[in-house]
Amino acid sequence: MTNKAALEGGPDDLPVRIVPIASPGEDLKVPHRGGYEHFKPTSRQQDGPQERLTVYEWWERTEIAE
């Protein structure tokens, strides 16, 4: 079974809000519009379509260097 996370916060136009995660508990870096949206895990959970998901909260954006 693939671990998944629910993303909360960040840009309104982020295309997906449920994403696969490699290792539960580690920060996520999601590519978006020429940069990365960074999310940190919280202690909260929410119901997903098939399983309980850990909620990850947006905390910053970084730009991709050209």
N, C-alpha and C. Protein backbone atom coordinates (compact mmCIF):
# COMPACT_ATOMS: atom_id res chain seq x y z
N MET A 1 0.84 -1.18 0.00
CA MET A 1 0.00 0.00 0.00
C MET A 1 0.89 1.25 0.00
N THR A 2 0.55 2.21 -0.81
CA THR A 2 1.27 3.48 -0.89
C THR A 2 0.79 4.41 0.20
N ASN A 3 1.72 5.04 0.90
CA ASN A 3 1.35 6.06 1.86
C ASN A 3 1.00 7.33 1.12
N LYS A 4 -0.03 8.01 1.59
CA LYS A 4 -0.46 9.25 0.97
C LYS A 4 -0.67 10.31 2.04
N ALA A 5 -0.62 11.57 1.60
CA ALA A 5 -0.82 12.70 2.50
C ALA A 5 -1.84 13.65 1.90
N ALA A 6 -2.54 14.37 2.78
CA ALA A 6 -3.47 15.43 2.37
C ALA A 6 -2.74 16.75 2.58
N LEU A 7 -2.71 17.59 1.53
CA LEU A 7 -2.03 18.88 1.61
C LEU A 7 -3.02 19.97 1.99
N GLU A 8 -2.60 20.81 2.92
CA GLU A 8 -3.45 21.91 3.40
C GLU A 8 -2.69 23.22 3.28
N GLY A 9 -3.35 24.24 2.75
CA GLY A 9 -2.72 25.54 2.58
C GLY A 9 -1.98 25.62 1.26
N GLY A 10 -1.17 26.65 1.13
CA GLY A 10 -0.44 26.85 -0.11
C GLY A 10 -1.30 27.50 -1.17
N PRO A 11 -0.83 27.50 -2.42
CA PRO A 11 -1.55 28.17 -3.49
C PRO A 11 -2.90 27.53 -3.78
N ASP A 12 -3.89 28.36 -4.10
CA ASP A 12 -5.23 27.86 -4.42
C ASP A 12 -5.23 27.02 -5.69
N ASP A 13 -4.28 27.28 -6.61
CA ASP A 13 -4.28 26.55 -7.88
C ASP A 13 -3.38 25.31 -7.88
N LEU A 14 -2.97 24.85 -6.70
CA LEU A 14 -2.21 23.60 -6.62
C LEU A 14 -3.07 22.49 -7.19
N PRO A 15 -2.60 21.75 -8.21
CA PRO A 15 -3.48 20.82 -8.92
C PRO A 15 -3.94 19.59 -8.13
N VAL A 16 -3.15 19.13 -7.18
CA VAL A 16 -3.56 17.95 -6.40
C VAL A 16 -3.43 18.25 -4.91
N ARG A 17 -4.31 17.65 -4.13
CA ARG A 17 -4.28 17.85 -2.68
C ARG A 17 -4.04 16.55 -1.93
N ILE A 18 -4.05 15.43 -2.64
CA ILE A 18 -3.68 14.14 -2.05
C ILE A 18 -2.51 13.61 -2.87
N VAL A 19 -1.37 13.41 -2.19
CA VAL A 19 -0.14 13.03 -2.89
C VAL A 19 0.51 11.82 -2.23
N PRO A 20 1.25 11.02 -3.01
CA PRO A 20 2.01 9.92 -2.41
C PRO A 20 3.20 10.47 -1.63
N ILE A 21 3.57 9.77 -0.58
CA ILE A 21 4.75 10.17 0.20
C ILE A 21 5.69 8.98 0.31
N ALA A 22 6.99 9.24 0.26
CA ALA A 22 8.00 8.19 0.34
C ALA A 22 8.16 7.69 1.77
N SER A 23 8.32 8.62 2.69
CA SER A 23 8.53 8.27 4.09
C SER A 23 7.63 9.13 4.97
N PRO A 24 6.68 8.51 5.67
CA PRO A 24 5.82 9.30 6.56
C PRO A 24 6.65 10.09 7.57
N GLY A 25 6.24 11.32 7.84
CA GLY A 25 6.92 12.14 8.83
C GLY A 25 7.96 13.08 8.26
N GLU A 26 8.36 12.89 6.99
CA GLU A 26 9.34 13.77 6.39
C GLU A 26 8.63 14.92 5.66
N ASP A 27 9.29 16.06 5.59
CA ASP A 27 8.74 17.20 4.85
C ASP A 27 8.56 16.84 3.38
N LEU A 28 7.58 17.49 2.73
CA LEU A 28 7.32 17.29 1.31
C LEU A 28 7.70 18.53 0.53
N LYS A 29 8.17 18.31 -0.69
CA LYS A 29 8.52 19.41 -1.60
C LYS A 29 7.78 19.11 -2.90
N VAL A 30 6.79 19.95 -3.24
CA VAL A 30 5.94 19.73 -4.40
C VAL A 30 6.27 20.76 -5.48
N PRO A 31 6.71 20.32 -6.68
CA PRO A 31 6.99 21.28 -7.74
C PRO A 31 5.71 21.97 -8.20
N HIS A 32 5.78 23.30 -8.39
CA HIS A 32 4.60 24.06 -8.80
C HIS A 32 5.02 25.42 -9.33
N ARG A 33 4.63 25.74 -10.56
CA ARG A 33 4.84 27.06 -11.17
C ARG A 33 6.26 27.60 -11.02
N GLY A 34 7.24 26.82 -11.43
CA GLY A 34 8.63 27.29 -11.41
C GLY A 34 9.28 27.34 -10.05
N GLY A 35 8.71 26.67 -9.09
CA GLY A 35 9.28 26.62 -7.75
C GLY A 35 8.82 25.38 -7.02
N TYR A 36 8.98 25.39 -5.72
CA TYR A 36 8.54 24.28 -4.87
C TYR A 36 7.68 24.82 -3.74
N GLU A 37 6.61 24.11 -3.47
CA GLU A 37 5.78 24.37 -2.30
C GLU A 37 6.21 23.37 -1.24
N HIS A 38 6.50 23.84 -0.04
CA HIS A 38 7.00 22.98 1.03
C HIS A 38 5.89 22.75 2.06
N PHE A 39 5.75 21.50 2.46
CA PHE A 39 4.72 21.10 3.43
C PHE A 39 5.37 20.30 4.55
N LYS A 40 4.90 20.55 5.78
CA LYS A 40 5.39 19.81 6.96
C LYS A 40 4.27 18.95 7.51
N PRO A 41 4.61 17.76 8.02
CA PRO A 41 3.57 16.90 8.59
C PRO A 41 3.01 17.50 9.88
N THR A 42 1.74 17.24 10.13
CA THR A 42 1.10 17.63 11.38
C THR A 42 0.70 16.36 12.12
N SER A 43 0.15 16.52 13.29
CA SER A 43 -0.36 15.36 14.04
C SER A 43 -1.81 15.04 13.66
N ARG A 44 -2.38 15.85 12.77
CA ARG A 44 -3.78 15.66 12.37
C ARG A 44 -3.93 14.61 11.28
N GLN A 45 -5.09 13.99 11.24
CA GLN A 45 -5.45 13.00 10.23
C GLN A 45 -6.79 13.39 9.62
N GLN A 46 -7.04 12.95 8.40
CA GLN A 46 -8.35 13.14 7.79
C GLN A 46 -8.69 11.92 6.96
N ASP A 47 -9.98 11.70 6.75
CA ASP A 47 -10.41 10.58 5.92
C ASP A 47 -10.14 10.89 4.46
N GLY A 48 -9.51 9.94 3.78
CA GLY A 48 -9.30 10.04 2.34
C GLY A 48 -10.25 9.09 1.64
N PRO A 49 -10.15 9.00 0.32
CA PRO A 49 -11.06 8.15 -0.44
C PRO A 49 -10.96 6.67 -0.04
N GLN A 50 -9.75 6.23 0.36
CA GLN A 50 -9.56 4.81 0.68
C GLN A 50 -8.88 4.56 2.01
N GLU A 51 -8.39 5.60 2.67
CA GLU A 51 -7.63 5.41 3.91
C GLU A 51 -7.55 6.71 4.70
N ARG A 52 -7.07 6.61 5.93
CA ARG A 52 -6.78 7.80 6.74
C ARG A 52 -5.49 8.42 6.22
N LEU A 53 -5.49 9.74 6.13
CA LEU A 53 -4.33 10.45 5.60
C LEU A 53 -3.77 11.39 6.65
N THR A 54 -2.45 11.48 6.70
CA THR A 54 -1.81 12.49 7.53
C THR A 54 -1.94 13.83 6.82
N VAL A 55 -2.28 14.87 7.56
CA VAL A 55 -2.39 16.22 6.99
C VAL A 55 -1.02 16.87 7.04
N TYR A 56 -0.59 17.38 5.89
CA TYR A 56 0.65 18.14 5.77
C TYR A 56 0.27 19.59 5.52
N GLU A 57 0.91 20.50 6.25
CA GLU A 57 0.56 21.92 6.21
C GLU A 57 1.64 22.71 5.45
N TRP A 58 1.20 23.59 4.56
CA TRP A 58 2.12 24.42 3.80
C TRP A 58 2.88 25.34 4.73
N TRP A 59 4.18 25.54 4.45
CA TRP A 59 4.94 26.48 5.29
C TRP A 59 5.83 27.42 4.51
N GLU A 60 6.20 27.11 3.25
CA GLU A 60 6.98 28.08 2.48
C GLU A 60 7.05 27.69 1.01
N ARG A 61 7.48 28.64 0.21
CA ARG A 61 7.73 28.42 -1.21
C ARG A 61 9.16 28.81 -1.52
N THR A 62 9.82 28.02 -2.37
CA THR A 62 11.14 28.38 -2.85
C THR A 62 11.12 28.38 -4.37
N GLU A 63 11.94 29.21 -4.96
CA GLU A 63 12.05 29.30 -6.42
C GLU A 63 13.11 28.34 -6.92
N ILE A 64 12.94 27.85 -8.15
CA ILE A 64 13.94 27.00 -8.78
C ILE A 64 14.96 27.94 -9.42
N ALA A 65 16.23 27.74 -9.10
CA ALA A 65 17.29 28.59 -9.66
C ALA A 65 17.45 28.29 -11.14
N GLU A 66 17.65 29.32 -11.93
CA GLU A 66 17.84 29.15 -13.38
C GLU A 66 19.29 29.18 -13.74
